[in-house]
Amino acid sequence: MSKKPELRGRAARLARLLPSGPSQAARTPFVLLVVLLLGGGLITLLILNSSLNEGSFQLSELKKETTELTDQEQELQRDVDAYAAPDALQQRARELGMVPGGDPAFLNPDGTVRGVPGAAEQSSALQPEPRPQEVASPAPSVSIPVEPSPSPPQALPASPEPSAPAPDAPPTPDLPATPGPTTSGR
């Protein structure tokens, strides 16, 4: 039986510090595992960082697009507000030949009329100038002038005295000076 010689003293202490053969083989897989984990972690961080940068670029593009769309929305809202302004509506109505309405009359639930209706007065500045029109016939040398259609009848001006009804108007009942309750139409 062969036994290893036992070391004593200083040699024994140094022998304990030196690794033996079988333990060296057990450390190699552990070192490879640690290196693989560190390499995989670095690669994962690189992929994560690049995807975050890509997301950052997309976010900045979307913010820019949102800003442009917000500016466009505000511009369109200003246009709508300009068209909805009372002066613009009045001018557009005049261009279309509309005139301000007269005095309104209201129907009570029992069928009586409250108020004296008045017709809208059309000013002469709003009436279009009648122009004679020519209609071409099959023969090129003959033209027939067409007379303009008669202008719509002018509304009678409201009578200065509300107690004097128009000759063809039905009699209106005496109404109280204070208006009664109204409904909202719902």
N, C-alpha and C. Protein backbone atom coordinates (compact mmCIF):
# COMPACT_ATOMS: atom_id res chain seq x y z
N MET A 1 0.81 -1.15 0.00
CA MET A 1 0.00 0.00 0.00
C MET A 1 0.87 1.23 0.00
N SER A 2 0.59 1.96 -0.94
CA SER A 2 1.42 3.15 -1.03
C SER A 2 0.64 4.32 -0.50
N LYS A 3 1.24 4.94 0.37
CA LYS A 3 0.64 6.13 0.96
C LYS A 3 1.47 7.33 0.56
N LYS A 4 0.79 8.41 0.47
CA LYS A 4 1.50 9.65 0.20
C LYS A 4 2.26 10.04 1.45
N PRO A 5 3.36 10.56 1.23
CA PRO A 5 4.07 11.00 2.42
C PRO A 5 3.36 12.21 3.01
N GLU A 6 3.27 12.25 4.25
CA GLU A 6 2.63 13.37 4.92
C GLU A 6 3.60 14.51 5.03
N LEU A 7 3.11 15.63 4.74
CA LEU A 7 3.95 16.82 4.80
C LEU A 7 3.71 17.49 6.15
N ARG A 8 4.74 18.04 6.61
CA ARG A 8 4.62 18.67 7.90
C ARG A 8 5.10 20.11 7.81
N GLY A 9 4.55 20.88 8.69
CA GLY A 9 5.00 22.25 8.84
C GLY A 9 4.59 23.15 7.68
N ARG A 10 5.60 23.81 7.20
CA ARG A 10 5.36 24.79 6.17
C ARG A 10 4.93 24.13 4.88
N ALA A 11 5.38 23.04 4.51
CA ALA A 11 5.01 22.33 3.30
C ALA A 11 3.56 21.90 3.35
N ALA A 12 3.07 21.52 4.51
CA ALA A 12 1.67 21.10 4.64
C ALA A 12 0.75 22.29 4.41
N ARG A 13 1.13 23.39 4.90
CA ARG A 13 0.29 24.58 4.69
C ARG A 13 0.28 24.99 3.22
N LEU A 14 1.36 24.92 2.55
CA LEU A 14 1.41 25.25 1.13
C LEU A 14 0.66 24.21 0.30
N ALA A 15 0.69 23.00 0.68
CA ALA A 15 -0.02 21.96 -0.04
C ALA A 15 -1.53 22.16 0.05
N ARG A 16 -1.98 22.65 1.15
CA ARG A 16 -3.42 22.90 1.30
C ARG A 16 -3.87 24.05 0.40
N LEU A 17 -3.02 24.99 0.13
CA LEU A 17 -3.38 26.13 -0.71
C LEU A 17 -3.43 25.77 -2.19
N LEU A 18 -2.67 24.80 -2.60
CA LEU A 18 -2.64 24.41 -4.00
C LEU A 18 -3.83 23.51 -4.31
N PRO A 19 -4.48 23.75 -5.46
CA PRO A 19 -5.62 22.91 -5.80
C PRO A 19 -5.17 21.53 -6.24
N SER A 20 -6.03 20.60 -5.97
CA SER A 20 -5.74 19.24 -6.41
C SER A 20 -6.35 19.03 -7.79
N GLY A 21 -6.08 17.97 -8.49
CA GLY A 21 -6.50 17.69 -9.85
C GLY A 21 -8.01 17.64 -10.07
N PRO A 22 -8.81 16.87 -9.34
CA PRO A 22 -10.23 16.77 -9.63
C PRO A 22 -10.99 18.09 -9.43
N SER A 23 -10.61 18.96 -8.55
CA SER A 23 -11.34 20.20 -8.33
C SER A 23 -11.14 21.18 -9.49
N GLN A 24 -10.06 21.13 -10.20
CA GLN A 24 -9.80 21.99 -11.34
C GLN A 24 -10.80 21.71 -12.46
N ALA A 25 -11.13 20.47 -12.70
CA ALA A 25 -12.08 20.10 -13.74
C ALA A 25 -13.48 20.56 -13.39
N ALA A 26 -13.86 20.66 -12.15
CA ALA A 26 -15.19 21.09 -11.73
C ALA A 26 -15.36 22.59 -11.89
N ARG A 27 -14.32 23.36 -11.89
CA ARG A 27 -14.43 24.82 -12.01
C ARG A 27 -14.64 25.25 -13.47
N THR A 28 -14.22 24.56 -14.42
CA THR A 28 -14.31 24.96 -15.82
C THR A 28 -15.76 25.14 -16.29
N PRO A 29 -16.70 24.24 -16.03
CA PRO A 29 -18.09 24.48 -16.47
C PRO A 29 -18.70 25.70 -15.78
N PHE A 30 -18.33 25.94 -14.52
CA PHE A 30 -18.87 27.09 -13.79
C PHE A 30 -18.38 28.39 -14.43
N VAL A 31 -17.13 28.45 -14.77
CA VAL A 31 -16.57 29.65 -15.40
C VAL A 31 -17.22 29.87 -16.76
N LEU A 32 -17.41 28.82 -17.53
CA LEU A 32 -18.08 28.96 -18.83
C LEU A 32 -19.53 29.45 -18.66
N LEU A 33 -20.21 28.94 -17.66
CA LEU A 33 -21.58 29.38 -17.40
C LEU A 33 -21.62 30.86 -17.05
N VAL A 34 -20.74 31.33 -16.22
CA VAL A 34 -20.69 32.75 -15.84
C VAL A 34 -20.37 33.61 -17.05
N VAL A 35 -19.44 33.20 -17.88
CA VAL A 35 -19.09 33.97 -19.08
C VAL A 35 -20.29 34.04 -20.03
N LEU A 36 -20.98 32.91 -20.22
CA LEU A 36 -22.16 32.90 -21.09
C LEU A 36 -23.27 33.80 -20.54
N LEU A 37 -23.50 33.77 -19.24
CA LEU A 37 -24.52 34.63 -18.64
C LEU A 37 -24.17 36.11 -18.80
N LEU A 38 -22.91 36.45 -18.58
CA LEU A 38 -22.51 37.85 -18.76
C LEU A 38 -22.61 38.27 -20.23
N GLY A 39 -22.21 37.45 -21.15
CA GLY A 39 -22.33 37.77 -22.58
C GLY A 39 -23.79 37.89 -23.00
N GLY A 40 -24.64 36.97 -22.53
CA GLY A 40 -26.07 37.04 -22.85
C GLY A 40 -26.70 38.30 -22.28
N GLY A 41 -26.29 38.67 -21.07
CA GLY A 41 -26.80 39.90 -20.46
C GLY A 41 -26.40 41.13 -21.26
N LEU A 42 -25.17 41.18 -21.71
CA LEU A 42 -24.72 42.32 -22.51
C LEU A 42 -25.46 42.40 -23.84
N ILE A 43 -25.65 41.26 -24.48
CA ILE A 43 -26.39 41.25 -25.75
C ILE A 43 -27.84 41.68 -25.52
N THR A 44 -28.45 41.20 -24.43
CA THR A 44 -29.83 41.59 -24.11
C THR A 44 -29.91 43.09 -23.86
N LEU A 45 -28.96 43.67 -23.14
CA LEU A 45 -28.95 45.11 -22.90
C LEU A 45 -28.80 45.89 -24.20
N LEU A 46 -27.98 45.37 -25.11
CA LEU A 46 -27.79 46.04 -26.40
C LEU A 46 -29.10 46.04 -27.20
N ILE A 47 -29.78 44.92 -27.25
CA ILE A 47 -31.06 44.83 -27.97
C ILE A 47 -32.11 45.73 -27.32
N LEU A 48 -32.18 45.72 -25.99
CA LEU A 48 -33.14 46.56 -25.27
C LEU A 48 -32.86 48.04 -25.52
N ASN A 49 -31.60 48.42 -25.50
CA ASN A 49 -31.23 49.81 -25.73
C ASN A 49 -31.61 50.26 -27.14
N SER A 50 -31.35 49.41 -28.14
CA SER A 50 -31.70 49.78 -29.52
C SER A 50 -33.21 49.87 -29.71
N SER A 51 -33.98 48.99 -29.06
CA SER A 51 -35.45 49.07 -29.19
C SER A 51 -35.98 50.31 -28.49
N LEU A 52 -35.37 50.71 -27.37
CA LEU A 52 -35.79 51.94 -26.70
C LEU A 52 -35.48 53.16 -27.56
N ASN A 53 -34.32 53.16 -28.23
CA ASN A 53 -34.00 54.27 -29.13
C ASN A 53 -34.98 54.35 -30.28
N GLU A 54 -35.35 53.20 -30.83
CA GLU A 54 -36.33 53.19 -31.93
C GLU A 54 -37.67 53.73 -31.45
N GLY A 55 -38.08 53.31 -30.26
CA GLY A 55 -39.33 53.83 -29.69
C GLY A 55 -39.26 55.32 -29.44
N SER A 56 -38.09 55.80 -29.05
CA SER A 56 -37.91 57.24 -28.83
C SER A 56 -38.07 58.02 -30.13
N PHE A 57 -37.51 57.49 -31.22
CA PHE A 57 -37.67 58.15 -32.52
C PHE A 57 -39.14 58.16 -32.95
N GLN A 58 -39.83 57.06 -32.76
CA GLN A 58 -41.25 57.01 -33.11
C GLN A 58 -42.05 57.99 -32.26
N LEU A 59 -41.72 58.08 -30.99
CA LEU A 59 -42.42 59.01 -30.10
C LEU A 59 -42.21 60.45 -30.54
N SER A 60 -40.99 60.81 -30.90
CA SER A 60 -40.74 62.18 -31.35
C SER A 60 -41.47 62.49 -32.65
N GLU A 61 -41.54 61.51 -33.57
CA GLU A 61 -42.28 61.71 -34.81
C GLU A 61 -43.77 61.89 -34.53
N LEU A 62 -44.32 61.09 -33.62
CA LEU A 62 -45.74 61.20 -33.28
C LEU A 62 -46.04 62.52 -32.58
N LYS A 63 -45.12 62.99 -31.74
CA LYS A 63 -45.32 64.29 -31.09
C LYS A 63 -45.32 65.40 -32.13
N LYS A 64 -44.42 65.32 -33.11
CA LYS A 64 -44.38 66.32 -34.17
C LYS A 64 -45.67 66.31 -34.97
N GLU A 65 -46.14 65.11 -35.31
CA GLU A 65 -47.40 64.99 -36.06
C GLU A 65 -48.57 65.52 -35.25
N THR A 66 -48.58 65.24 -33.95
CA THR A 66 -49.65 65.74 -33.08
C THR A 66 -49.64 67.26 -33.04
N THR A 67 -48.46 67.85 -32.97
CA THR A 67 -48.36 69.31 -32.96
C THR A 67 -48.89 69.90 -34.26
N GLU A 68 -48.53 69.29 -35.39
CA GLU A 68 -49.01 69.78 -36.69
C GLU A 68 -50.54 69.66 -36.78
N LEU A 69 -51.08 68.54 -36.34
CA LEU A 69 -52.52 68.34 -36.40
C LEU A 69 -53.25 69.29 -35.45
N THR A 70 -52.66 69.58 -34.30
CA THR A 70 -53.27 70.53 -33.37
C THR A 70 -53.30 71.92 -33.98
N ASP A 71 -52.20 72.31 -34.63
CA ASP A 71 -52.16 73.61 -35.31
C ASP A 71 -53.22 73.68 -36.42
N GLN A 72 -53.34 72.59 -37.17
CA GLN A 72 -54.34 72.56 -38.25
C GLN A 72 -55.75 72.64 -37.67
N GLU A 73 -55.99 71.93 -36.56
CA GLU A 73 -57.32 71.99 -35.93
C GLU A 73 -57.63 73.40 -35.45
N GLN A 74 -56.65 74.07 -34.86
CA GLN A 74 -56.88 75.43 -34.38
C GLN A 74 -57.15 76.38 -35.54
N GLU A 75 -56.45 76.19 -36.65
CA GLU A 75 -56.68 77.03 -37.83
C GLU A 75 -58.10 76.81 -38.37
N LEU A 76 -58.51 75.55 -38.44
CA LEU A 76 -59.87 75.26 -38.92
C LEU A 76 -60.92 75.81 -37.95
N GLN A 77 -60.64 75.74 -36.65
CA GLN A 77 -61.59 76.28 -35.68
C GLN A 77 -61.69 77.79 -35.82
N ARG A 78 -60.57 78.46 -36.10
CA ARG A 78 -60.62 79.91 -36.33
C ARG A 78 -61.47 80.22 -37.56
N ASP A 79 -61.33 79.40 -38.62
CA ASP A 79 -62.15 79.60 -39.82
C ASP A 79 -63.63 79.43 -39.51
N VAL A 80 -63.95 78.39 -38.74
CA VAL A 80 -65.35 78.15 -38.39
C VAL A 80 -65.88 79.30 -37.54
N ASP A 81 -65.07 79.77 -36.59
CA ASP A 81 -65.51 80.89 -35.76
C ASP A 81 -65.71 82.15 -36.59
N ALA A 82 -64.84 82.35 -37.60
CA ALA A 82 -64.99 83.53 -38.45
C ALA A 82 -66.28 83.43 -39.28
N TYR A 83 -66.59 82.23 -39.77
CA TYR A 83 -67.83 82.07 -40.55
C TYR A 83 -69.06 82.13 -39.67
N ALA A 84 -68.92 81.80 -38.40
CA ALA A 84 -70.07 81.80 -37.49
C ALA A 84 -70.27 83.13 -36.80
N ALA A 85 -69.39 84.08 -37.02
CA ALA A 85 -69.54 85.40 -36.41
C ALA A 85 -70.80 86.07 -36.94
N PRO A 86 -71.48 86.84 -36.11
CA PRO A 86 -72.73 87.48 -36.55
C PRO A 86 -72.56 88.36 -37.78
N ASP A 87 -71.47 89.11 -37.87
CA ASP A 87 -71.28 89.97 -39.05
C ASP A 87 -71.13 89.15 -40.31
N ALA A 88 -70.37 88.05 -40.22
CA ALA A 88 -70.17 87.21 -41.40
C ALA A 88 -71.48 86.54 -41.81
N LEU A 89 -72.25 86.10 -40.82
CA LEU A 89 -73.55 85.48 -41.14
C LEU A 89 -74.49 86.49 -41.79
N GLN A 90 -74.49 87.71 -41.27
CA GLN A 90 -75.36 88.74 -41.84
C GLN A 90 -74.95 89.05 -43.28
N GLN A 91 -73.65 89.18 -43.53
CA GLN A 91 -73.19 89.48 -44.88
C GLN A 91 -73.53 88.34 -45.83
N ARG A 92 -73.31 87.10 -45.39
CA ARG A 92 -73.62 85.94 -46.26
C ARG A 92 -75.11 85.86 -46.53
N ALA A 93 -75.93 86.16 -45.53
CA ALA A 93 -77.38 86.15 -45.72
C ALA A 93 -77.80 87.21 -46.73
N ARG A 94 -77.17 88.39 -46.65
CA ARG A 94 -77.51 89.43 -47.63
C ARG A 94 -77.08 89.03 -49.03
N GLU A 95 -75.93 88.33 -49.15
CA GLU A 95 -75.49 87.87 -50.47
C GLU A 95 -76.48 86.87 -51.05
N LEU A 96 -77.14 86.11 -50.18
CA LEU A 96 -78.11 85.14 -50.65
C LEU A 96 -79.49 85.75 -50.86
N GLY A 97 -79.63 87.05 -50.57
CA GLY A 97 -80.90 87.73 -50.79
C GLY A 97 -81.83 87.63 -49.60
N MET A 98 -81.35 87.26 -48.46
CA MET A 98 -82.20 87.16 -47.27
C MET A 98 -82.29 88.53 -46.62
N VAL A 99 -83.39 88.76 -45.93
CA VAL A 99 -83.61 90.02 -45.24
C VAL A 99 -83.92 89.73 -43.78
N PRO A 100 -83.69 90.69 -42.89
CA PRO A 100 -84.03 90.46 -41.49
C PRO A 100 -85.53 90.27 -41.33
N GLY A 101 -85.89 89.41 -40.41
CA GLY A 101 -87.30 89.12 -40.19
C GLY A 101 -88.01 90.28 -39.52
N GLY A 102 -89.33 90.28 -39.65
CA GLY A 102 -90.15 91.31 -39.03
C GLY A 102 -90.47 90.95 -37.60
N ASP A 103 -91.49 91.60 -37.07
CA ASP A 103 -91.89 91.32 -35.70
C ASP A 103 -92.52 89.93 -35.63
N PRO A 104 -92.14 89.12 -34.65
CA PRO A 104 -92.72 87.78 -34.56
C PRO A 104 -94.06 87.79 -33.86
N ALA A 105 -94.82 86.78 -34.14
CA ALA A 105 -96.08 86.54 -33.44
C ALA A 105 -96.00 85.13 -32.88
N PHE A 106 -96.67 84.92 -31.75
CA PHE A 106 -96.59 83.63 -31.09
C PHE A 106 -97.99 83.06 -30.94
N LEU A 107 -98.10 81.75 -31.06
CA LEU A 107 -99.37 81.08 -30.86
C LEU A 107 -99.42 80.55 -29.43
N ASN A 108 -100.51 80.87 -28.74
CA ASN A 108 -100.72 80.34 -27.40
C ASN A 108 -101.26 78.92 -27.51
N PRO A 109 -101.17 78.13 -26.47
CA PRO A 109 -101.68 76.75 -26.53
C PRO A 109 -103.16 76.67 -26.86
N ASP A 110 -103.92 77.72 -26.54
CA ASP A 110 -105.35 77.68 -26.84
C ASP A 110 -105.67 78.15 -28.25
N GLY A 111 -104.64 78.48 -29.05
CA GLY A 111 -104.85 78.84 -30.44
C GLY A 111 -104.91 80.33 -30.69
N THR A 112 -104.85 81.14 -29.66
CA THR A 112 -104.87 82.59 -29.86
C THR A 112 -103.48 83.08 -30.25
N VAL A 113 -103.44 84.23 -30.89
CA VAL A 113 -102.19 84.80 -31.37
C VAL A 113 -101.74 85.88 -30.40
N ARG A 114 -100.48 85.82 -30.01
CA ARG A 114 -99.93 86.85 -29.13
C ARG A 114 -98.96 87.68 -29.96
N GLY A 115 -99.16 88.97 -29.98
CA GLY A 115 -98.30 89.86 -30.74
C GLY A 115 -98.89 90.17 -32.09
N VAL A 116 -98.33 91.17 -32.74
CA VAL A 116 -98.78 91.55 -34.07
C VAL A 116 -97.64 91.22 -35.03
N PRO A 117 -97.88 90.28 -35.94
CA PRO A 117 -96.79 89.92 -36.85
C PRO A 117 -96.52 91.05 -37.83
N GLY A 118 -95.27 91.21 -38.16
CA GLY A 118 -94.89 92.22 -39.13
C GLY A 118 -94.10 91.56 -40.25
N ALA A 119 -94.29 92.05 -41.43
CA ALA A 119 -93.57 91.49 -42.58
C ALA A 119 -92.15 92.05 -42.62
N ALA A 120 -91.27 91.27 -43.15
CA ALA A 120 -89.89 91.71 -43.30
C ALA A 120 -89.84 92.73 -44.42
N GLU A 121 -89.10 93.80 -44.20
CA GLU A 121 -88.99 94.84 -45.21
C GLU A 121 -87.73 94.59 -46.02
N GLN A 122 -87.91 94.53 -47.32
CA GLN A 122 -86.76 94.32 -48.19
C GLN A 122 -86.33 95.67 -48.73
N SER A 123 -85.08 96.02 -48.47
CA SER A 123 -84.60 97.32 -48.94
C SER A 123 -84.33 97.25 -50.44
N SER A 124 -84.36 98.40 -51.06
CA SER A 124 -84.14 98.43 -52.51
C SER A 124 -82.71 98.07 -52.86
N ALA A 125 -81.79 98.25 -51.93
CA ALA A 125 -80.39 97.91 -52.22
C ALA A 125 -80.19 96.41 -52.34
N LEU A 126 -81.09 95.64 -51.72
CA LEU A 126 -80.95 94.19 -51.76
C LEU A 126 -81.61 93.57 -52.98
N GLN A 127 -82.50 94.31 -53.64
CA GLN A 127 -83.17 93.75 -54.80
C GLN A 127 -82.23 93.75 -56.00
N PRO A 128 -82.14 92.63 -56.70
CA PRO A 128 -81.27 92.61 -57.88
C PRO A 128 -81.88 93.43 -59.01
N GLU A 129 -81.02 94.03 -59.80
CA GLU A 129 -81.47 94.79 -60.95
C GLU A 129 -81.99 93.85 -62.01
N PRO A 130 -83.21 94.03 -62.51
CA PRO A 130 -83.70 93.14 -63.58
C PRO A 130 -82.95 93.44 -64.88
N ARG A 131 -82.53 92.37 -65.53
CA ARG A 131 -81.82 92.51 -66.80
C ARG A 131 -82.61 91.78 -67.88
N PRO A 132 -82.74 92.35 -69.04
CA PRO A 132 -83.43 91.62 -70.11
C PRO A 132 -82.54 90.47 -70.58
N GLN A 133 -83.19 89.35 -70.81
CA GLN A 133 -82.46 88.17 -71.26
C GLN A 133 -82.88 87.84 -72.69
N GLU A 134 -81.96 87.33 -73.42
CA GLU A 134 -82.26 86.93 -74.79
C GLU A 134 -82.17 85.42 -74.88
N VAL A 135 -83.16 84.85 -75.56
CA VAL A 135 -83.18 83.41 -75.76
C VAL A 135 -82.88 83.14 -77.23
N ALA A 136 -81.92 82.30 -77.48
CA ALA A 136 -81.55 82.00 -78.87
C ALA A 136 -82.53 80.99 -79.45
N SER A 137 -83.05 81.28 -80.63
CA SER A 137 -83.96 80.36 -81.30
C SER A 137 -83.16 79.53 -82.29
N PRO A 138 -83.79 78.54 -82.97
CA PRO A 138 -83.04 77.73 -83.91
C PRO A 138 -82.40 78.56 -85.03
N ALA A 139 -83.05 79.65 -85.44
CA ALA A 139 -82.46 80.51 -86.48
C ALA A 139 -81.48 81.45 -85.79
N PRO A 140 -80.23 81.52 -86.26
CA PRO A 140 -79.25 82.34 -85.57
C PRO A 140 -79.51 83.83 -85.69
N SER A 141 -80.24 84.31 -86.67
CA SER A 141 -80.41 85.74 -86.86
C SER A 141 -81.57 86.31 -86.05
N VAL A 142 -82.40 85.47 -85.45
CA VAL A 142 -83.57 85.95 -84.73
C VAL A 142 -83.32 85.80 -83.23
N SER A 143 -83.54 86.87 -82.50
CA SER A 143 -83.46 86.79 -81.03
C SER A 143 -84.71 87.41 -80.46
N ILE A 144 -85.23 86.78 -79.44
CA ILE A 144 -86.47 87.25 -78.83
C ILE A 144 -86.13 87.76 -77.44
N PRO A 145 -86.41 89.01 -77.15
CA PRO A 145 -86.14 89.50 -75.80
C PRO A 145 -87.19 88.94 -74.83
N VAL A 146 -86.74 88.53 -73.71
CA VAL A 146 -87.63 88.00 -72.68
C VAL A 146 -87.68 89.02 -71.57
N GLU A 147 -88.90 89.34 -71.17
CA GLU A 147 -89.06 90.33 -70.11
C GLU A 147 -88.74 89.67 -68.77
N PRO A 148 -88.17 90.43 -67.87
CA PRO A 148 -87.86 89.85 -66.56
C PRO A 148 -89.14 89.53 -65.80
N SER A 149 -89.05 88.54 -64.96
CA SER A 149 -90.23 88.17 -64.17
C SER A 149 -90.53 89.29 -63.20
N PRO A 150 -91.79 89.45 -62.88
CA PRO A 150 -92.14 90.56 -61.97
C PRO A 150 -91.50 90.31 -60.60
N SER A 151 -91.10 91.41 -60.00
CA SER A 151 -90.47 91.29 -58.69
C SER A 151 -91.52 90.87 -57.66
N PRO A 152 -91.12 90.22 -56.59
CA PRO A 152 -92.09 89.79 -55.60
C PRO A 152 -92.79 91.00 -55.00
N PRO A 153 -94.04 90.84 -54.63
CA PRO A 153 -94.78 91.99 -54.09
C PRO A 153 -94.13 92.47 -52.80
N GLN A 154 -94.10 93.79 -52.69
CA GLN A 154 -93.53 94.38 -51.49
C GLN A 154 -94.51 94.18 -50.34
N ALA A 155 -93.92 93.91 -49.17
CA ALA A 155 -94.76 93.73 -47.99
C ALA A 155 -95.31 95.09 -47.58
N LEU A 156 -96.51 95.07 -47.10
CA LEU A 156 -97.11 96.31 -46.62
C LEU A 156 -96.40 96.73 -45.35
N PRO A 157 -96.12 98.00 -45.21
CA PRO A 157 -95.47 98.42 -43.97
C PRO A 157 -96.44 98.23 -42.81
N ALA A 158 -95.84 97.98 -41.68
CA ALA A 158 -96.67 97.77 -40.48
C ALA A 158 -97.41 99.07 -40.19
N SER A 159 -98.65 98.94 -39.79
CA SER A 159 -99.47 100.12 -39.52
C SER A 159 -98.94 100.83 -38.28
N PRO A 160 -98.99 102.13 -38.27
CA PRO A 160 -98.46 102.85 -37.13
C PRO A 160 -99.28 102.60 -35.87
N GLU A 161 -100.57 102.32 -36.04
CA GLU A 161 -101.42 102.07 -34.87
C GLU A 161 -101.67 100.58 -34.77
N PRO A 162 -101.26 99.94 -33.69
CA PRO A 162 -101.50 98.51 -33.58
C PRO A 162 -102.97 98.17 -33.41
N SER A 163 -103.80 99.14 -33.01
CA SER A 163 -105.22 98.83 -32.81
C SER A 163 -105.98 98.82 -34.12
N ALA A 164 -105.39 99.35 -35.20
CA ALA A 164 -106.08 99.36 -36.49
C ALA A 164 -105.63 98.17 -37.30
N PRO A 165 -106.44 97.10 -37.38
CA PRO A 165 -106.02 95.92 -38.13
C PRO A 165 -106.09 96.19 -39.63
N ALA A 166 -105.36 95.39 -40.38
CA ALA A 166 -105.39 95.47 -41.83
C ALA A 166 -106.78 95.07 -42.30
N PRO A 167 -107.19 95.52 -43.47
CA PRO A 167 -108.56 95.25 -43.93
C PRO A 167 -108.86 93.76 -44.07
N ASP A 168 -107.89 92.94 -44.51
CA ASP A 168 -108.16 91.53 -44.71
C ASP A 168 -107.71 90.67 -43.53
N ALA A 169 -107.11 91.25 -42.52
CA ALA A 169 -106.58 90.48 -41.40
C ALA A 169 -107.70 90.13 -40.42
N PRO A 170 -107.65 88.94 -39.83
CA PRO A 170 -108.65 88.59 -38.84
C PRO A 170 -108.42 89.42 -37.58
N PRO A 171 -109.45 89.66 -36.83
CA PRO A 171 -109.30 90.47 -35.63
C PRO A 171 -108.40 89.75 -34.62
N THR A 172 -107.52 90.50 -33.99
CA THR A 172 -106.64 89.93 -32.97
C THR A 172 -107.21 90.27 -31.60
N PRO A 173 -107.16 89.32 -30.68
CA PRO A 173 -107.70 89.60 -29.35
C PRO A 173 -106.75 90.53 -28.59
N ASP A 174 -107.33 91.23 -27.62
CA ASP A 174 -106.51 92.10 -26.77
C ASP A 174 -105.61 91.20 -25.93
N LEU A 175 -104.35 91.51 -25.95
CA LEU A 175 -103.36 90.68 -25.26
C LEU A 175 -102.80 91.43 -24.07
N PRO A 176 -102.45 90.68 -23.02
CA PRO A 176 -101.82 91.36 -21.88
C PRO A 176 -100.42 91.85 -22.26
N ALA A 177 -99.97 92.89 -21.57
CA ALA A 177 -98.68 93.49 -21.88
C ALA A 177 -97.52 92.59 -21.48
N THR A 178 -97.69 91.76 -20.45
CA THR A 178 -96.61 90.88 -20.02
C THR A 178 -96.75 89.53 -20.70
N PRO A 179 -95.68 89.01 -21.21
CA PRO A 179 -95.76 87.69 -21.87
C PRO A 179 -95.98 86.58 -20.85
N GLY A 180 -96.69 85.56 -21.28
CA GLY A 180 -96.96 84.40 -20.44
C GLY A 180 -95.82 83.41 -20.51
N PRO A 181 -95.95 82.31 -19.81
CA PRO A 181 -94.87 81.30 -19.84
C PRO A 181 -94.75 80.68 -21.23
N THR A 182 -93.56 80.33 -21.58
CA THR A 182 -93.32 79.69 -22.86
C THR A 182 -92.77 78.29 -22.63
N THR A 183 -92.88 77.45 -23.63
CA THR A 183 -92.33 76.11 -23.53
C THR A 183 -91.06 76.03 -24.34
N SER A 184 -90.25 75.08 -24.00
CA SER A 184 -88.98 74.95 -24.71
C SER A 184 -89.11 74.12 -25.97
N GLY A 185 -90.26 73.52 -26.22
CA GLY A 185 -90.46 72.74 -27.42
C GLY A 185 -90.00 71.30 -27.28
N ARG A 186 -89.78 70.86 -26.05
CA ARG A 186 -89.35 69.47 -25.85
C ARG A 186 -90.52 68.59 -25.56
